[in-house]
C-alpha cells in the first residue's frame, strides 16, 4: 500500500474487517478495553485494528470470532458462508 505525505496507506480489506469487528464488538456490548484483553492485545492496538490501520493475524481474527461468539465469515464478509 502506498502512502501520502508520509502517512501509511490503509488496506481496504483491513478496513472492512476492522469495521465489522467494531460493529460486532459494540453489538455485544464489550468495551474496547475488555475486548483487547480477550484478544491479548493492547487497547491501542485494538483501536488501530478497528480503524483498519493494523493488520490482524489469523490467530487474532480467530480470537476475535471466538470472543464475539461468531463464525469466521462474520468478520471477513457480510454474506453468510452457508
N, C-alpha and C. Protein backbone atom coordinates (compact mmCIF):
# COMPACT_ATOMS: atom_id res chain seq x y z
N UNK A 1 0.85 -1.16 0.00
CA UNK A 1 0.00 0.00 0.00
C UNK A 1 0.89 1.23 0.00
N UNK A 2 0.59 2.20 -0.77
CA UNK A 2 1.37 3.42 -0.84
C UNK A 2 1.03 4.35 0.31
N UNK A 3 1.72 5.47 0.33
CA UNK A 3 1.44 6.43 1.38
C UNK A 3 1.33 7.82 0.78
N UNK A 4 0.67 8.69 1.50
CA UNK A 4 0.50 10.07 1.09
C UNK A 4 1.08 10.94 2.20
N UNK A 5 2.01 11.79 1.87
CA UNK A 5 2.62 12.69 2.85
C UNK A 5 3.15 11.98 4.08
N UNK A 6 3.70 10.78 3.88
CA UNK A 6 4.28 10.05 4.99
C UNK A 6 3.32 9.24 5.83
N UNK A 7 2.02 9.33 5.57
CA UNK A 7 1.06 8.54 6.32
C UNK A 7 0.91 7.18 5.64
N UNK A 8 0.91 6.11 6.41
CA UNK A 8 0.76 4.79 5.78
C UNK A 8 -0.62 4.64 5.16
N UNK A 9 -0.69 3.93 4.07
CA UNK A 9 -1.97 3.67 3.42
C UNK A 9 -2.79 2.68 4.21
N UNK A 10 -4.07 2.63 3.94
CA UNK A 10 -4.98 1.69 4.60
C UNK A 10 -5.37 0.63 3.59
N UNK A 11 -5.18 -0.62 3.96
CA UNK A 11 -5.58 -1.73 3.12
C UNK A 11 -7.11 -1.84 3.19
N UNK A 12 -7.81 -1.84 2.06
CA UNK A 12 -9.27 -1.91 2.09
C UNK A 12 -9.81 -3.14 2.82
N UNK A 13 -9.11 -4.27 2.72
CA UNK A 13 -9.56 -5.48 3.41
C UNK A 13 -9.43 -5.30 4.93
N UNK A 14 -8.31 -4.72 5.39
CA UNK A 14 -8.14 -4.45 6.82
C UNK A 14 -9.21 -3.48 7.32
N UNK A 15 -9.53 -2.49 6.51
CA UNK A 15 -10.55 -1.51 6.90
C UNK A 15 -11.92 -2.17 7.02
N UNK A 16 -12.24 -3.08 6.08
CA UNK A 16 -13.53 -3.77 6.12
C UNK A 16 -13.63 -4.69 7.33
N UNK A 17 -12.57 -5.45 7.60
CA UNK A 17 -12.56 -6.33 8.77
C UNK A 17 -12.64 -5.51 10.04
N UNK A 18 -11.90 -4.41 10.11
CA UNK A 18 -11.94 -3.55 11.29
C UNK A 18 -13.32 -2.98 11.56
N UNK A 19 -13.99 -2.55 10.51
CA UNK A 19 -15.35 -2.00 10.67
C UNK A 19 -16.31 -3.07 11.18
N UNK A 20 -16.19 -4.29 10.63
CA UNK A 20 -17.05 -5.39 11.10
C UNK A 20 -16.73 -5.74 12.54
N UNK A 21 -15.45 -5.75 12.89
CA UNK A 21 -15.01 -6.05 14.25
C UNK A 21 -15.62 -5.06 15.23
N UNK A 22 -15.55 -3.79 14.91
CA UNK A 22 -16.10 -2.76 15.79
C UNK A 22 -17.62 -2.89 15.91
N UNK A 23 -18.28 -3.11 14.77
CA UNK A 23 -19.73 -3.25 14.78
C UNK A 23 -20.17 -4.41 15.67
N UNK A 24 -19.53 -5.58 15.53
CA UNK A 24 -19.88 -6.75 16.33
C UNK A 24 -19.53 -6.54 17.80
N UNK A 25 -18.38 -5.91 18.09
CA UNK A 25 -17.99 -5.66 19.48
C UNK A 25 -19.02 -4.78 20.16
N UNK A 26 -19.43 -3.72 19.49
CA UNK A 26 -20.42 -2.82 20.06
C UNK A 26 -21.77 -3.52 20.22
N UNK A 27 -22.15 -4.34 19.25
CA UNK A 27 -23.42 -5.07 19.34
C UNK A 27 -23.43 -6.04 20.52
N UNK A 28 -22.25 -6.55 20.87
CA UNK A 28 -22.13 -7.47 22.00
C UNK A 28 -21.97 -6.73 23.33
N UNK A 29 -21.84 -5.40 23.28
CA UNK A 29 -21.74 -4.61 24.49
C UNK A 29 -20.38 -4.68 25.18
N UNK A 30 -19.34 -5.00 24.43
CA UNK A 30 -17.99 -5.07 25.00
C UNK A 30 -17.28 -3.74 24.87
N UNK A 31 -16.61 -3.33 25.93
CA UNK A 31 -15.78 -2.12 25.85
C UNK A 31 -14.51 -2.47 25.08
N UNK A 32 -13.85 -1.47 24.57
CA UNK A 32 -12.60 -1.69 23.83
C UNK A 32 -11.55 -2.30 24.74
N UNK A 33 -11.52 -1.88 26.01
CA UNK A 33 -10.54 -2.41 26.96
C UNK A 33 -10.78 -3.88 27.26
N UNK A 34 -12.03 -4.25 27.50
CA UNK A 34 -12.35 -5.65 27.77
C UNK A 34 -12.08 -6.53 26.55
N UNK A 35 -12.41 -6.01 25.39
CA UNK A 35 -12.19 -6.75 24.15
C UNK A 35 -10.70 -6.95 23.90
N UNK A 36 -9.91 -5.93 24.15
CA UNK A 36 -8.46 -6.01 23.95
C UNK A 36 -7.86 -7.11 24.83
N UNK A 37 -8.34 -7.22 26.05
CA UNK A 37 -7.85 -8.28 26.95
C UNK A 37 -8.14 -9.65 26.36
N UNK A 38 -9.34 -9.84 25.82
CA UNK A 38 -9.71 -11.12 25.22
C UNK A 38 -8.86 -11.45 24.00
N UNK A 39 -8.39 -10.43 23.31
CA UNK A 39 -7.57 -10.63 22.10
C UNK A 39 -6.08 -10.69 22.41
N UNK A 40 -5.72 -10.47 23.68
CA UNK A 40 -4.31 -10.41 24.08
C UNK A 40 -3.57 -9.31 23.32
N UNK A 41 -4.24 -8.17 23.19
CA UNK A 41 -3.69 -7.00 22.52
C UNK A 41 -3.88 -5.80 23.44
N UNK A 42 -3.14 -4.74 23.18
CA UNK A 42 -3.38 -3.51 23.93
C UNK A 42 -4.65 -2.85 23.38
N UNK A 43 -5.22 -1.96 24.18
CA UNK A 43 -6.41 -1.24 23.73
C UNK A 43 -6.08 -0.40 22.49
N UNK A 44 -4.88 0.17 22.46
CA UNK A 44 -4.48 0.98 21.30
C UNK A 44 -4.36 0.13 20.05
N UNK A 45 -3.78 -1.06 20.16
CA UNK A 45 -3.69 -1.96 19.01
C UNK A 45 -5.09 -2.35 18.51
N UNK A 46 -6.00 -2.56 19.45
CA UNK A 46 -7.36 -2.93 19.08
C UNK A 46 -8.06 -1.77 18.39
N UNK A 47 -7.86 -0.56 18.88
CA UNK A 47 -8.44 0.63 18.21
C UNK A 47 -7.90 0.77 16.79
N UNK A 48 -6.59 0.55 16.64
CA UNK A 48 -5.99 0.64 15.30
C UNK A 48 -6.56 -0.43 14.38
N UNK A 49 -6.78 -1.63 14.89
CA UNK A 49 -7.36 -2.71 14.08
C UNK A 49 -8.78 -2.34 13.65
N UNK A 50 -9.56 -1.81 14.59
CA UNK A 50 -10.94 -1.42 14.25
C UNK A 50 -10.98 -0.28 13.25
N UNK A 51 -9.95 0.55 13.25
CA UNK A 51 -9.89 1.67 12.31
C UNK A 51 -9.31 1.24 10.97
N UNK A 52 -8.89 -0.02 10.86
CA UNK A 52 -8.32 -0.51 9.61
C UNK A 52 -6.87 -0.13 9.43
N UNK A 53 -6.24 0.32 10.48
CA UNK A 53 -4.84 0.76 10.40
C UNK A 53 -3.86 -0.27 10.92
N UNK A 54 -4.35 -1.47 11.22
CA UNK A 54 -3.49 -2.57 11.66
C UNK A 54 -4.00 -3.85 11.01
N UNK A 55 -3.07 -4.68 10.63
CA UNK A 55 -3.41 -5.96 10.02
C UNK A 55 -3.51 -7.01 11.12
N UNK A 56 -4.64 -7.69 11.20
CA UNK A 56 -4.81 -8.75 12.18
C UNK A 56 -4.28 -10.07 11.63
N UNK A 57 -3.60 -10.82 12.47
CA UNK A 57 -3.13 -12.14 12.08
C UNK A 57 -4.32 -13.10 12.09
N UNK A 58 -4.11 -14.26 11.52
CA UNK A 58 -5.15 -15.28 11.53
C UNK A 58 -5.51 -15.65 12.96
N UNK A 59 -4.52 -15.74 13.84
CA UNK A 59 -4.78 -16.07 15.24
C UNK A 59 -5.61 -14.99 15.91
N UNK A 60 -5.34 -13.73 15.61
CA UNK A 60 -6.11 -12.63 16.20
C UNK A 60 -7.55 -12.62 15.69
N UNK A 61 -7.74 -12.91 14.42
CA UNK A 61 -9.09 -13.00 13.87
C UNK A 61 -9.84 -14.16 14.52
N UNK A 62 -9.14 -15.28 14.69
CA UNK A 62 -9.74 -16.42 15.37
C UNK A 62 -10.13 -16.09 16.80
N UNK A 63 -9.26 -15.38 17.52
CA UNK A 63 -9.56 -14.98 18.90
C UNK A 63 -10.75 -14.03 18.94
N UNK A 64 -10.82 -13.13 17.96
CA UNK A 64 -11.93 -12.17 17.92
C UNK A 64 -13.25 -12.87 17.66
N UNK A 65 -13.27 -13.80 16.71
CA UNK A 65 -14.52 -14.50 16.43
C UNK A 65 -14.94 -15.37 17.62
N UNK A 66 -13.97 -15.95 18.31
CA UNK A 66 -14.28 -16.75 19.50
C UNK A 66 -14.84 -15.85 20.60
N UNK A 67 -14.19 -14.72 20.86
CA UNK A 67 -14.62 -13.80 21.91
C UNK A 67 -16.01 -13.23 21.64
N UNK A 68 -16.31 -13.00 20.37
CA UNK A 68 -17.60 -12.42 19.99
C UNK A 68 -18.66 -13.49 19.69
N UNK A 69 -18.26 -14.76 19.80
CA UNK A 69 -19.17 -15.88 19.52
C UNK A 69 -19.73 -15.79 18.10
N UNK A 70 -18.80 -15.67 17.15
CA UNK A 70 -19.18 -15.52 15.74
C UNK A 70 -18.53 -16.59 14.89
N UNK A 71 -19.14 -16.94 13.76
CA UNK A 71 -18.43 -17.76 12.78
C UNK A 71 -17.39 -16.89 12.08
N UNK A 72 -16.37 -17.51 11.55
CA UNK A 72 -15.29 -16.77 10.91
C UNK A 72 -15.77 -15.84 9.81
N UNK A 73 -16.75 -16.28 9.02
CA UNK A 73 -17.20 -15.46 7.89
C UNK A 73 -17.73 -14.10 8.32
N UNK A 74 -18.16 -13.96 9.57
CA UNK A 74 -18.77 -12.71 10.02
C UNK A 74 -17.79 -11.54 10.02
N UNK A 75 -16.49 -11.82 10.11
CA UNK A 75 -15.51 -10.73 10.06
C UNK A 75 -14.93 -10.52 8.67
N UNK A 76 -14.96 -11.54 7.85
CA UNK A 76 -14.35 -11.40 6.53
C UNK A 76 -15.35 -11.13 5.42
N UNK A 77 -16.64 -11.22 5.73
CA UNK A 77 -17.66 -10.99 4.71
C UNK A 77 -18.97 -10.59 5.37
N UNK A 78 -19.78 -9.86 4.65
CA UNK A 78 -21.12 -9.55 5.12
C UNK A 78 -22.14 -10.57 4.62
N UNK A 79 -21.65 -11.55 3.86
CA UNK A 79 -22.51 -12.58 3.28
C UNK A 79 -22.27 -13.90 4.00
N UNK A 80 -23.34 -14.56 4.38
CA UNK A 80 -23.21 -15.86 5.04
C UNK A 80 -22.45 -16.83 4.16
N UNK A 81 -21.65 -17.68 4.78
CA UNK A 81 -20.86 -18.66 4.05
C UNK A 81 -21.63 -19.94 3.79
N UNK A 82 -22.84 -20.05 4.30
CA UNK A 82 -23.64 -21.27 4.09
C UNK A 82 -25.07 -20.91 3.82
